Amino acid sequence: VYERNKKFIMTCLFNLKSLPAALYTSLVGFPVNNVKVTKLESFTVTKSFDKALFYLDIEGHAKEPKVETALETLKKNTESLDILGVYLASDYRNNH
Protein backbone atom coordinates (compact mmCIF):
# COMPACT_ATOMS: atom_id res chain seq x y z
CA VAL A 1 0.00 0.00 0.00
CA TYR A 2 1.40 3.36 -1.05
CA GLU A 3 2.00 5.89 1.72
CA ARG A 4 3.51 9.29 0.84
CA ASN A 5 5.68 9.58 3.92
CA LYS A 6 7.46 6.24 3.39
CA LYS A 7 10.36 5.36 1.09
CA PHE A 8 9.92 2.55 -1.42
CA ILE A 9 12.11 0.55 -3.76
CA MET A 10 10.75 -0.81 -7.03
CA THR A 11 12.37 -3.65 -8.99
CA CYS A 12 11.83 -4.18 -12.73
CA LEU A 13 13.03 -6.42 -15.54
CA PHE A 14 13.01 -5.17 -19.12
CA ASN A 15 14.45 -5.80 -22.53
CA LEU A 16 14.97 -3.10 -25.10
CA LYS A 17 13.75 -2.62 -28.61
CA SER A 18 16.60 -2.94 -31.09
CA LEU A 19 17.05 0.78 -31.75
CA PRO A 20 20.06 3.09 -31.65
CA ALA A 21 20.55 4.60 -28.17
CA ALA A 22 17.65 2.53 -26.79
CA LEU A 23 19.19 2.22 -23.32
CA TYR A 24 19.86 5.95 -23.10
CA THR A 25 16.39 6.95 -24.31
CA SER A 26 14.70 4.44 -22.02
CA LEU A 27 16.52 5.61 -18.89
CA VAL A 28 16.45 9.37 -19.52
CA GLY A 29 13.01 9.61 -17.89
CA PHE A 30 14.45 8.80 -14.47
CA PRO A 31 16.82 11.78 -13.99
CA VAL A 32 14.43 14.12 -15.82
CA ASN A 33 11.74 13.21 -13.26
CA ASN A 34 14.12 13.17 -10.30
CA VAL A 35 13.84 9.40 -9.75
CA LYS A 36 16.98 7.76 -8.37
CA VAL A 37 18.22 4.58 -10.04
CA THR A 38 19.99 2.47 -7.41
CA LYS A 39 20.85 -0.60 -9.50
CA LEU A 40 21.10 -1.44 -13.18
CA GLU A 41 22.42 -4.80 -14.34
CA SER A 42 22.39 -6.45 -17.74
CA PHE A 43 22.30 -10.14 -18.58
CA THR A 44 22.57 -11.78 -21.98
CA VAL A 45 19.42 -13.62 -22.98
CA THR A 46 21.08 -16.13 -25.26
CA LYS A 47 24.67 -17.14 -25.84
CA SER A 48 25.03 -14.28 -28.31
CA PHE A 49 25.42 -10.61 -27.40
CA ASP A 50 22.57 -9.30 -29.57
CA LYS A 51 19.93 -9.32 -26.82
CA ALA A 52 20.08 -8.33 -23.15
CA LEU A 53 17.73 -8.38 -20.21
CA PHE A 54 18.06 -5.53 -17.71
CA TYR A 55 17.43 -5.60 -13.97
CA LEU A 56 16.57 -2.19 -12.50
CA ASP A 57 16.01 -0.91 -8.96
CA ILE A 58 14.71 2.61 -8.37
CA GLU A 59 13.74 4.61 -5.32
CA GLY A 60 10.01 5.26 -5.45
CA HIS A 61 6.57 3.72 -5.77
CA ALA A 62 4.75 2.97 -9.03
CA LYS A 63 1.86 5.19 -7.86
CA GLU A 64 4.03 8.30 -7.51
CA PRO A 65 3.43 10.65 -10.48
CA LYS A 66 7.15 11.16 -11.13
CA VAL A 67 7.74 7.39 -11.17
CA GLU A 68 4.73 6.82 -13.44
CA THR A 69 6.11 9.37 -15.92
CA ALA A 70 9.59 7.82 -15.85
CA LEU A 71 8.10 4.34 -16.40
CA GLU A 72 6.13 5.60 -19.41
CA THR A 73 9.41 6.72 -21.00
CA LEU A 74 10.94 3.33 -20.22
CA LYS A 75 7.93 1.47 -21.68
CA LYS A 76 8.16 3.35 -25.00
CA ASN A 77 11.61 1.88 -25.61
CA THR A 78 11.17 -1.67 -24.36
CA GLU A 79 9.84 -4.88 -25.84
CA SER A 80 8.77 -5.97 -22.38
CA LEU A 81 8.68 -4.47 -18.90
CA ASP A 82 7.87 -6.50 -15.80
CA ILE A 83 7.58 -4.95 -12.36
CA LEU A 84 8.82 -7.61 -9.97
CA GLY A 85 7.85 -5.76 -6.84
CA VAL A 86 7.46 -2.57 -4.85
CA TYR A 87 8.53 -2.74 -1.24
CA LEU A 88 9.44 -0.54 1.71
CA ALA A 89 13.03 0.64 1.70
CA SER A 90 15.16 -0.50 4.60
CA ASP A 91 15.93 2.04 7.30
CA TYR A 92 19.57 1.41 6.42
CA ARG A 93 19.02 3.37 3.17
CA ASN A 94 17.78 6.37 5.13
CA ASN A 95 20.90 6.51 7.29
CA HIS A 96 23.54 6.13 4.54
PDB file of N, CA and C in Angstrom:
ATOM      1  N   VAL A   1       0.849  -1.174   0.000  1.00  0.00           N
ATOM      2  CA  VAL A   1       0.000   0.000   0.000  1.00  0.00           C
ATOM      3  C   VAL A   1       0.893   1.234   0.000  1.00  0.00           C
ATOM      4  N   TYR A   2       0.603   2.150  -0.907  1.00  0.00           N
ATOM      5  CA  TYR A   2       1.403   3.359  -1.052  1.00  0.00           C
ATOM      6  C   TYR A   2       1.085   4.366   0.045  1.00  0.00           C
ATOM      7  N   GLU A   3       2.122   4.843   0.723  1.00  0.00           N
ATOM      8  CA  GLU A   3       2.003   5.892   1.719  1.00  0.00           C
ATOM      9  C   GLU A   3       3.042   6.953   1.393  1.00  0.00           C
ATOM     10  N   ARG A   4       2.622   8.203   1.254  1.00  0.00           N
ATOM     11  CA  ARG A   4       3.509   9.293   0.840  1.00  0.00           C
ATOM     12  C   ARG A   4       4.734   9.480   1.720  1.00  0.00           C
ATOM     13  N   ASN A   5       4.593   9.288   3.004  1.00  0.00           N
ATOM     14  CA  ASN A   5       5.684   9.582   3.919  1.00  0.00           C
ATOM     15  C   ASN A   5       6.683   8.434   4.078  1.00  0.00           C
ATOM     16  N   LYS A   6       6.558   7.385   3.307  1.00  0.00           N
ATOM     17  CA  LYS A   6       7.461   6.240   3.388  1.00  0.00           C
ATOM     18  C   LYS A   6       8.289   6.143   2.111  1.00  0.00           C
ATOM     19  N   LYS A   7       9.494   5.562   2.246  1.00  0.00           N
ATOM     20  CA  LYS A   7      10.365   5.361   1.088  1.00  0.00           C
ATOM     21  C   LYS A   7      10.184   3.942   0.558  1.00  0.00           C
ATOM     22  N   PHE A   8      10.108   3.839  -0.761  1.00  0.00           N
ATOM     23  CA  PHE A   8       9.916   2.548  -1.417  1.00  0.00           C
ATOM     24  C   PHE A   8      11.032   2.281  -2.413  1.00  0.00           C
ATOM     25  N   ILE A   9      11.222   1.011  -2.698  1.00  0.00           N
ATOM     26  CA  ILE A   9      12.110   0.550  -3.764  1.00  0.00           C
ATOM     27  C   ILE A   9      11.245  -0.250  -4.729  1.00  0.00           C
ATOM     28  N   MET A  10      11.484  -0.062  -6.009  1.00  0.00           N
ATOM     29  CA  MET A  10      10.754  -0.810  -7.025  1.00  0.00           C
ATOM     30  C   MET A  10      11.761  -1.554  -7.899  1.00  0.00           C
ATOM     31  N   THR A  11      11.489  -2.806  -8.188  1.00  0.00           N
ATOM     32  CA  THR A  11      12.370  -3.646  -8.991  1.00  0.00           C
ATOM     33  C   THR A  11      11.664  -4.034 -10.278  1.00  0.00           C
ATOM     34  N   CYS A  12      12.375  -3.880 -11.411  1.00  0.00           N
ATOM     35  CA  CYS A  12      11.825  -4.180 -12.731  1.00  0.00           C
ATOM     36  C   CYS A  12      12.798  -5.022 -13.541  1.00  0.00           C
ATOM     37  N   LEU A  13      12.263  -5.752 -14.488  1.00  0.00           N
ATOM     38  CA  LEU A  13      13.030  -6.419 -15.535  1.00  0.00           C
ATOM     39  C   LEU A  13      12.528  -5.900 -16.865  1.00  0.00           C
ATOM     40  N   PHE A  14      13.440  -5.612 -17.789  1.00  0.00           N
ATOM     41  CA  PHE A  14      13.008  -5.170 -19.117  1.00  0.00           C
ATOM     42  C   PHE A  14      14.015  -5.565 -20.172  1.00  0.00           C
ATOM     43  N   ASN A  15      13.531  -5.676 -21.402  1.00  0.00           N
ATOM     44  CA  ASN A  15      14.446  -5.803 -22.530  1.00  0.00           C
ATOM     45  C   ASN A  15      14.095  -4.739 -23.550  1.00  0.00           C
ATOM     46  N   LEU A  16      15.113  -4.260 -24.226  1.00  0.00           N
ATOM     47  CA  LEU A  16      14.973  -3.101 -25.100  1.00  0.00           C
ATOM     48  C   LEU A  16      14.577  -3.468 -26.522  1.00  0.00           C
ATOM     49  N   LYS A  17      13.952  -2.517 -27.182  1.00  0.00           N
ATOM     50  CA  LYS A  17      13.755  -2.624 -28.615  1.00  0.00           C
ATOM     51  C   LYS A  17      15.128  -2.463 -29.256  1.00  0.00           C
ATOM     52  N   SER A  18      15.317  -3.040 -30.409  1.00  0.00           N
ATOM     53  CA  SER A  18      16.599  -2.943 -31.091  1.00  0.00           C
ATOM     54  C   SER A  18      16.664  -1.638 -31.882  1.00  0.00           C
ATOM     55  N   LEU A  19      16.965  -0.559 -31.171  1.00  0.00           N
ATOM     56  CA  LEU A  19      17.046   0.778 -31.755  1.00  0.00           C
ATOM     57  C   LEU A  19      18.324   1.453 -31.286  1.00  0.00           C
ATOM     58  N   PRO A  20      18.884   2.352 -32.109  1.00  0.00           N
ATOM     59  CA  PRO A  20      20.061   3.095 -31.646  1.00  0.00           C
ATOM     60  C   PRO A  20      19.738   3.882 -30.373  1.00  0.00           C
ATOM     61  N   ALA A  21      20.654   3.865 -29.437  1.00  0.00           N
ATOM     62  CA  ALA A  21      20.551   4.602 -28.173  1.00  0.00           C
ATOM     63  C   ALA A  21      19.329   4.196 -27.345  1.00  0.00           C
ATOM     64  N   ALA A  22      18.859   2.986 -27.495  1.00  0.00           N
ATOM     65  CA  ALA A  22      17.653   2.534 -26.785  1.00  0.00           C
ATOM     66  C   ALA A  22      17.827   2.572 -25.273  1.00  0.00           C
ATOM     67  N   LEU A  23      18.994   2.192 -24.772  1.00  0.00           N
ATOM     68  CA  LEU A  23      19.194   2.224 -23.323  1.00  0.00           C
ATOM     69  C   LEU A  23      19.159   3.659 -22.807  1.00  0.00           C
ATOM     70  N   TYR A  24      19.847   4.534 -23.496  1.00  0.00           N
ATOM     71  CA  TYR A  24      19.855   5.951 -23.102  1.00  0.00           C
ATOM     72  C   TYR A  24      18.445   6.535 -23.118  1.00  0.00           C
ATOM     73  N   THR A  25      17.715   6.343 -24.209  1.00  0.00           N
ATOM     74  CA  THR A  25      16.387   6.952 -24.313  1.00  0.00           C
ATOM     75  C   THR A  25      15.392   6.314 -23.349  1.00  0.00           C
ATOM     76  N   SER A  26      15.616   5.072 -22.972  1.00  0.00           N
ATOM     77  CA  SER A  26      14.696   4.443 -22.024  1.00  0.00           C
ATOM     78  C   SER A  26      14.940   4.907 -20.594  1.00  0.00           C
ATOM     79  N   LEU A  27      16.192   5.219 -20.257  1.00  0.00           N
ATOM     80  CA  LEU A  27      16.522   5.612 -18.887  1.00  0.00           C
ATOM     81  C   LEU A  27      16.463   7.109 -18.639  1.00  0.00           C
ATOM     82  N   VAL A  28      16.416   7.917 -19.681  1.00  0.00           N
ATOM     83  CA  VAL A  28      16.454   9.372 -19.515  1.00  0.00           C
ATOM     84  C   VAL A  28      15.273   9.900 -18.694  1.00  0.00           C
ATOM     85  N   GLY A  29      14.181   9.186 -18.660  1.00  0.00           N
ATOM     86  CA  GLY A  29      13.012   9.615 -17.892  1.00  0.00           C
ATOM     87  C   GLY A  29      13.237   9.624 -16.391  1.00  0.00           C
ATOM     88  N   PHE A  30      14.213   8.848 -15.919  1.00  0.00           N
ATOM     89  CA  PHE A  30      14.449   8.799 -14.474  1.00  0.00           C
ATOM     90  C   PHE A  30      15.108  10.084 -13.965  1.00  0.00           C
ATOM     91  N   PRO A  31      16.246  10.527 -14.501  1.00  0.00           N
ATOM     92  CA  PRO A  31      16.815  11.780 -13.985  1.00  0.00           C
ATOM     93  C   PRO A  31      15.955  12.999 -14.306  1.00  0.00           C
ATOM     94  N   VAL A  32      15.297  12.997 -15.451  1.00  0.00           N
ATOM     95  CA  VAL A  32      14.430  14.122 -15.821  1.00  0.00           C
ATOM     96  C   VAL A  32      13.298  14.290 -14.809  1.00  0.00           C
ATOM     97  N   ASN A  33      12.828  13.178 -14.244  1.00  0.00           N
ATOM     98  CA  ASN A  33      11.737  13.207 -13.265  1.00  0.00           C
ATOM     99  C   ASN A  33      12.219  13.074 -11.825  1.00  0.00           C
ATOM    100  N   ASN A  34      13.526  13.203 -11.631  1.00  0.00           N
ATOM    101  CA  ASN A  34      14.124  13.166 -10.296  1.00  0.00           C
ATOM    102  C   ASN A  34      13.842  11.845  -9.578  1.00  0.00           C
ATOM    103  N   VAL A  35      13.993  10.737 -10.307  1.00  0.00           N
ATOM    104  CA  VAL A  35      13.836   9.399  -9.746  1.00  0.00           C
ATOM    105  C   VAL A  35      15.225   8.760  -9.713  1.00  0.00           C
ATOM    106  N   LYS A  36      15.646   8.315  -8.545  1.00  0.00           N
ATOM    107  CA  LYS A  36      16.980   7.762  -8.370  1.00  0.00           C
ATOM    108  C   LYS A  36      17.032   6.289  -8.763  1.00  0.00           C
ATOM    109  N   VAL A  37      17.943   5.962  -9.674  1.00  0.00           N
ATOM    110  CA  VAL A  37      18.222   4.577 -10.043  1.00  0.00           C
ATOM    111  C   VAL A  37      19.301   4.076  -9.093  1.00  0.00           C
ATOM    112  N   THR A  38      19.017   2.990  -8.376  1.00  0.00           N
ATOM    113  CA  THR A  38      19.987   2.472  -7.414  1.00  0.00           C
ATOM    114  C   THR A  38      20.719   1.239  -7.916  1.00  0.00           C
ATOM    115  N   LYS A  39      20.174   0.581  -8.942  1.00  0.00           N
ATOM    116  CA  LYS A  39      20.845  -0.598  -9.502  1.00  0.00           C
ATOM    117  C   LYS A  39      20.414  -0.783 -10.942  1.00  0.00           C
ATOM    118  N   LEU A  40      21.376  -1.090 -11.790  1.00  0.00           N
ATOM    119  CA  LEU A  40      21.104  -1.442 -13.181  1.00  0.00           C
ATOM    120  C   LEU A  40      22.092  -2.523 -13.569  1.00  0.00           C
ATOM    121  N   GLU A  41      21.583  -3.681 -13.923  1.00  0.00           N
ATOM    122  CA  GLU A  41      22.425  -4.800 -14.345  1.00  0.00           C
ATOM    123  C   GLU A  41      21.900  -5.335 -15.664  1.00  0.00           C
ATOM    124  N   SER A  42      22.807  -5.837 -16.480  1.00  0.00           N
ATOM    125  CA  SER A  42      22.387  -6.453 -17.742  1.00  0.00           C
ATOM    126  C   SER A  42      22.840  -7.906 -17.772  1.00  0.00           C
ATOM    127  N   PHE A  43      22.030  -8.720 -18.432  1.00  0.00           N
ATOM    128  CA  PHE A  43      22.299 -10.142 -18.584  1.00  0.00           C
ATOM    129  C   PHE A  43      22.012 -10.517 -20.024  1.00  0.00           C
ATOM    130  N   THR A  44      22.863 -11.318 -20.627  1.00  0.00           N
ATOM    131  CA  THR A  44      22.572 -11.775 -21.984  1.00  0.00           C
ATOM    132  C   THR A  44      21.456 -12.801 -21.933  1.00  0.00           C
ATOM    133  N   VAL A  45      20.580 -12.726 -22.922  1.00  0.00           N
ATOM    134  CA  VAL A  45      19.416 -13.616 -22.977  1.00  0.00           C
ATOM    135  C   VAL A  45      19.808 -14.949 -23.586  1.00  0.00           C
ATOM    136  N   THR A  46      20.599 -14.915 -24.609  1.00  0.00           N
ATOM    137  CA  THR A  46      21.075 -16.133 -25.261  1.00  0.00           C
ATOM    138  C   THR A  46      22.593 -16.145 -25.186  1.00  0.00           C
ATOM    139  N   LYS A  47      23.208 -17.066 -25.847  1.00  0.00           N
ATOM    140  CA  LYS A  47      24.667 -17.136 -25.836  1.00  0.00           C
ATOM    141  C   LYS A  47      25.303 -16.082 -26.743  1.00  0.00           C
ATOM    142  N   SER A  48      24.499 -15.358 -27.477  1.00  0.00           N
ATOM    143  CA  SER A  48      25.032 -14.282 -28.310  1.00  0.00           C
ATOM    144  C   SER A  48      24.883 -12.962 -27.548  1.00  0.00           C
ATOM    145  N   PHE A  49      25.482 -11.913 -28.071  1.00  0.00           N
ATOM    146  CA  PHE A  49      25.424 -10.614 -27.401  1.00  0.00           C
ATOM    147  C   PHE A  49      24.433  -9.662 -28.068  1.00  0.00           C
ATOM    148  N   ASP A  50      23.503 -10.175 -28.856  1.00  0.00           N
ATOM    149  CA  ASP A  50      22.574  -9.301 -29.573  1.00  0.00           C
ATOM    150  C   ASP A  50      21.324  -8.943 -28.771  1.00  0.00           C
ATOM    151  N   LYS A  51      21.113  -9.567 -27.630  1.00  0.00           N
ATOM    152  CA  LYS A  51      19.926  -9.318 -26.818  1.00  0.00           C
ATOM    153  C   LYS A  51      20.322  -9.339 -25.348  1.00  0.00           C
ATOM    154  N   ALA A  52      19.785  -8.384 -24.586  1.00  0.00           N
ATOM    155  CA  ALA A  52      20.081  -8.333 -23.154  1.00  0.00           C
ATOM    156  C   ALA A  52      18.807  -8.097 -22.366  1.00  0.00           C
ATOM    157  N   LEU A  53      18.802  -8.611 -21.170  1.00  0.00           N
ATOM    158  CA  LEU A  53      17.735  -8.385 -20.209  1.00  0.00           C
ATOM    159  C   LEU A  53      18.325  -7.493 -19.125  1.00  0.00           C
ATOM    160  N   PHE A  54      17.565  -6.483 -18.700  1.00  0.00           N
ATOM    161  CA  PHE A  54      18.060  -5.534 -17.712  1.00  0.00           C
ATOM    162  C   PHE A  54      17.264  -5.652 -16.420  1.00  0.00           C
ATOM    163  N   TYR A  55      17.984  -5.590 -15.312  1.00  0.00           N
ATOM    164  CA  TYR A  55      17.430  -5.597 -13.967  1.00  0.00           C
ATOM    165  C   TYR A  55      17.613  -4.185 -13.427  1.00  0.00           C
ATOM    166  N   LEU A  56      16.541  -3.580 -12.922  1.00  0.00           N
ATOM    167  CA  LEU A  56      16.571  -2.188 -12.503  1.00  0.00           C
ATOM    168  C   LEU A  56      15.914  -2.030 -11.141  1.00  0.00           C
ATOM    169  N   ASP A  57      16.594  -1.327 -10.233  1.00  0.00           N
ATOM    170  CA  ASP A  57      16.009  -0.911  -8.960  1.00  0.00           C
ATOM    171  C   ASP A  57      15.962   0.608  -8.945  1.00  0.00           C
ATOM    172  N   ILE A  58      14.835   1.162  -8.510  1.00  0.00           N
ATOM    173  CA  ILE A  58      14.709   2.613  -8.371  1.00  0.00           C
ATOM    174  C   ILE A  58      14.133   2.927  -6.998  1.00  0.00           C
ATOM    175  N   GLU A  59      14.373   4.145  -6.547  1.00  0.00           N
ATOM    176  CA  GLU A  59      13.740   4.612  -5.320  1.00  0.00           C
ATOM    177  C   GLU A  59      12.410   5.244  -5.711  1.00  0.00           C
ATOM    178  N   GLY A  60      11.328   4.715  -5.160  1.00  0.00           N
ATOM    179  CA  GLY A  60      10.014   5.261  -5.453  1.00  0.00           C
ATOM    180  C   GLY A  60       8.972   4.177  -5.596  1.00  0.00           C
ATOM    181  N   HIS A  61       7.729   4.605  -5.667  1.00  0.00           N
ATOM    182  CA  HIS A  61       6.568   3.719  -5.775  1.00  0.00           C
ATOM    183  C   HIS A  61       5.904   3.944  -7.129  1.00  0.00           C
ATOM    184  N   ALA A  62       5.390   2.890  -7.713  1.00  0.00           N
ATOM    185  CA  ALA A  62       4.749   2.970  -9.031  1.00  0.00           C
ATOM    186  C   ALA A  62       3.572   3.942  -9.060  1.00  0.00           C
ATOM    187  N   LYS A  63       2.996   4.267  -7.911  1.00  0.00           N
ATOM    188  CA  LYS A  63       1.858   5.188  -7.863  1.00  0.00           C
ATOM    189  C   LYS A  63       2.268   6.652  -7.711  1.00  0.00           C
ATOM    190  N   GLU A  64       3.555   6.918  -7.565  1.00  0.00           N
ATOM    191  CA  GLU A  64       4.026   8.301  -7.507  1.00  0.00           C
ATOM    192  C   GLU A  64       4.017   8.873  -8.920  1.00  0.00           C
ATOM    193  N   PRO A  65       3.487  10.074  -9.125  1.00  0.00           N
ATOM    194  CA  PRO A  65       3.428  10.649 -10.477  1.00  0.00           C
ATOM    195  C   PRO A  65       4.774  10.708 -11.187  1.00  0.00           C
ATOM    196  N   LYS A  66       5.848  11.070 -10.479  1.00  0.00           N
ATOM    197  CA  LYS A  66       7.153  11.165 -11.128  1.00  0.00           C
ATOM    198  C   LYS A  66       7.657   9.789 -11.567  1.00  0.00           C
ATOM    199  N   VAL A  67       7.348   8.751 -10.808  1.00  0.00           N
ATOM    200  CA  VAL A  67       7.743   7.388 -11.171  1.00  0.00           C
ATOM    201  C   VAL A  67       6.899   6.902 -12.346  1.00  0.00           C
ATOM    202  N   GLU A  68       5.605   7.188 -12.321  1.00  0.00           N
ATOM    203  CA  GLU A  68       4.726   6.819 -13.444  1.00  0.00           C
ATOM    204  C   GLU A  68       5.226   7.417 -14.748  1.00  0.00           C
ATOM    205  N   THR A  69       5.615   8.689 -14.716  1.00  0.00           N
ATOM    206  CA  THR A  69       6.107   9.371 -15.919  1.00  0.00           C
ATOM    207  C   THR A  69       7.410   8.734 -16.397  1.00  0.00           C
ATOM    208  N   ALA A  70       8.323   8.452 -15.484  1.00  0.00           N
ATOM    209  CA  ALA A  70       9.591   7.816 -15.850  1.00  0.00           C
ATOM    210  C   ALA A  70       9.356   6.428 -16.439  1.00  0.00           C
ATOM    211  N   LEU A  71       8.410   5.678 -15.877  1.00  0.00           N
ATOM    212  CA  LEU A  71       8.104   4.342 -16.399  1.00  0.00           C
ATOM    213  C   LEU A  71       7.481   4.404 -17.794  1.00  0.00           C
ATOM    214  N   GLU A  72       6.699   5.439 -18.067  1.00  0.00           N
ATOM    215  CA  GLU A  72       6.129   5.603 -19.412  1.00  0.00           C
ATOM    216  C   GLU A  72       7.239   5.777 -20.447  1.00  0.00           C
ATOM    217  N   THR A  73       8.267   6.550 -20.100  1.00  0.00           N
ATOM    218  CA  THR A  73       9.407   6.722 -20.995  1.00  0.00           C
ATOM    219  C   THR A  73      10.114   5.391 -21.198  1.00  0.00           C
ATOM    220  N   LEU A  74      10.302   4.641 -20.124  1.00  0.00           N
ATOM    221  CA  LEU A  74      10.935   3.330 -20.219  1.00  0.00           C
ATOM    222  C   LEU A  74      10.120   2.397 -21.111  1.00  0.00           C
ATOM    223  N   LYS A  75       8.804   2.363 -20.912  1.00  0.00           N
ATOM    224  CA  LYS A  75       7.927   1.473 -21.679  1.00  0.00           C
ATOM    225  C   LYS A  75       7.982   1.735 -23.181  1.00  0.00           C
ATOM    226  N   LYS A  76       8.127   2.996 -23.578  1.00  0.00           N
ATOM    227  CA  LYS A  76       8.164   3.347 -24.998  1.00  0.00           C
ATOM    228  C   LYS A  76       9.343   2.716 -25.724  1.00  0.00           C
ATOM    229  N   ASN A  77      10.383   2.378 -25.003  1.00  0.00           N
ATOM    230  CA  ASN A  77      11.606   1.878 -25.610  1.00  0.00           C
ATOM    231  C   ASN A  77      11.898   0.418 -25.311  1.00  0.00           C
ATOM    232  N   THR A  78      10.946  -0.279 -24.721  1.00  0.00           N
ATOM    233  CA  THR A  78      11.171  -1.672 -24.364  1.00  0.00           C
ATOM    234  C   THR A  78      10.232  -2.604 -25.118  1.00  0.00           C
ATOM    235  N   GLU A  79      10.707  -3.830 -25.291  1.00  0.00           N
ATOM    236  CA  GLU A  79       9.843  -4.875 -25.836  1.00  0.00           C
ATOM    237  C   GLU A  79       8.973  -5.449 -24.733  1.00  0.00           C
ATOM    238  N   SER A  80       9.537  -5.492 -23.529  1.00  0.00           N
ATOM    239  CA  SER A  80       8.770  -5.970 -22.376  1.00  0.00           C
ATOM    240  C   SER A  80       9.269  -5.274 -21.124  1.00  0.00           C
ATOM    241  N   LEU A  81       8.370  -5.069 -20.191  1.00  0.00           N
ATOM    242  CA  LEU A  81       8.684  -4.469 -18.898  1.00  0.00           C
ATOM    243  C   LEU A  81       7.855  -5.185 -17.846  1.00  0.00           C
ATOM    244  N   ASP A  82       8.536  -5.792 -16.889  1.00  0.00           N
ATOM    245  CA  ASP A  82       7.871  -6.502 -15.800  1.00  0.00           C
ATOM    246  C   ASP A  82       8.280  -5.872 -14.481  1.00  0.00           C
ATOM    247  N   ILE A  83       7.300  -5.463 -13.699  1.00  0.00           N
ATOM    248  CA  ILE A  83       7.578  -4.952 -12.361  1.00  0.00           C
ATOM    249  C   ILE A  83       7.554  -6.152 -11.423  1.00  0.00           C
ATOM    250  N   LEU A  84       8.707  -6.439 -10.846  1.00  0.00           N
ATOM    251  CA  LEU A  84       8.824  -7.609  -9.973  1.00  0.00           C
ATOM    252  C   LEU A  84       8.285  -7.343  -8.584  1.00  0.00           C
ATOM    253  N   GLY A  85       8.362  -6.077  -8.155  1.00  0.00           N
ATOM    254  CA  GLY A  85       7.847  -5.763  -6.836  1.00  0.00           C
ATOM    255  C   GLY A  85       8.108  -4.334  -6.425  1.00  0.00           C
ATOM    256  N   VAL A  86       7.312  -3.879  -5.483  1.00  0.00           N
ATOM    257  CA  VAL A  86       7.464  -2.572  -4.848  1.00  0.00           C
ATOM    258  C   VAL A  86       7.423  -2.851  -3.358  1.00  0.00           C
ATOM    259  N   TYR A  87       8.452  -2.409  -2.652  1.00  0.00           N
ATOM    260  CA  TYR A  87       8.533  -2.744  -1.243  1.00  0.00           C
ATOM    261  C   TYR A  87       9.143  -1.598  -0.457  1.00  0.00           C
ATOM    262  N   LEU A  88       8.897  -1.575   0.840  1.00  0.00           N
ATOM    263  CA  LEU A  88       9.436  -0.538   1.708  1.00  0.00           C
ATOM    264  C   LEU A  88      10.953  -0.598   1.718  1.00  0.00           C
ATOM    265  N   ALA A  89      11.574   0.561   1.621  1.00  0.00           N
ATOM    266  CA  ALA A  89      13.031   0.635   1.695  1.00  0.00           C
ATOM    267  C   ALA A  89      13.467   0.383   3.131  1.00  0.00           C
ATOM    268  N   SER A  90      14.586  -0.246   3.275  1.00  0.00           N
ATOM    269  CA  SER A  90      15.163  -0.503   4.595  1.00  0.00           C
ATOM    270  C   SER A  90      15.552   0.809   5.259  1.00  0.00           C
ATOM    271  N   ASP A  91      15.471   0.858   6.558  1.00  0.00           N
ATOM    272  CA  ASP A  91      15.928   2.036   7.303  1.00  0.00           C
ATOM    273  C   ASP A  91      17.405   2.298   7.054  1.00  0.00           C
ATOM    274  N   TYR A  92      18.145   1.267   6.717  1.00  0.00           N
ATOM    275  CA  TYR A  92      19.572   1.408   6.419  1.00  0.00           C
ATOM    276  C   TYR A  92      19.793   2.417   5.289  1.00  0.00           C
ATOM    277  N   ARG A  93      18.920   2.424   4.288  1.00  0.00           N
ATOM    278  CA  ARG A  93      19.024   3.368   3.169  1.00  0.00           C
ATOM    279  C   ARG A  93      18.848   4.805   3.639  1.00  0.00           C
ATOM    280  N   ASN A  94      18.033   5.023   4.632  1.00  0.00           N
ATOM    281  CA  ASN A  94      17.780   6.369   5.127  1.00  0.00           C
ATOM    282  C   ASN A  94      18.962   6.946   5.895  1.00  0.00           C
ATOM    283  N   ASN A  95      19.791   6.076   6.440  1.00  0.00           N
ATOM    284  CA  ASN A  95      20.903   6.514   7.288  1.00  0.00           C
ATOM    285  C   ASN A  95      22.234   6.548   6.557  1.00  0.00           C
ATOM    286  N   HIS A  96      22.268   6.159   5.275  1.00  0.00           N
ATOM    287  CA  HIS A  96      23.538   6.130   4.539  1.00  0.00           C
ATOM    288  C   HIS A  96      23.416   6.851   3.233  1.00  0.00           C
TER     289      HIS A  96
END
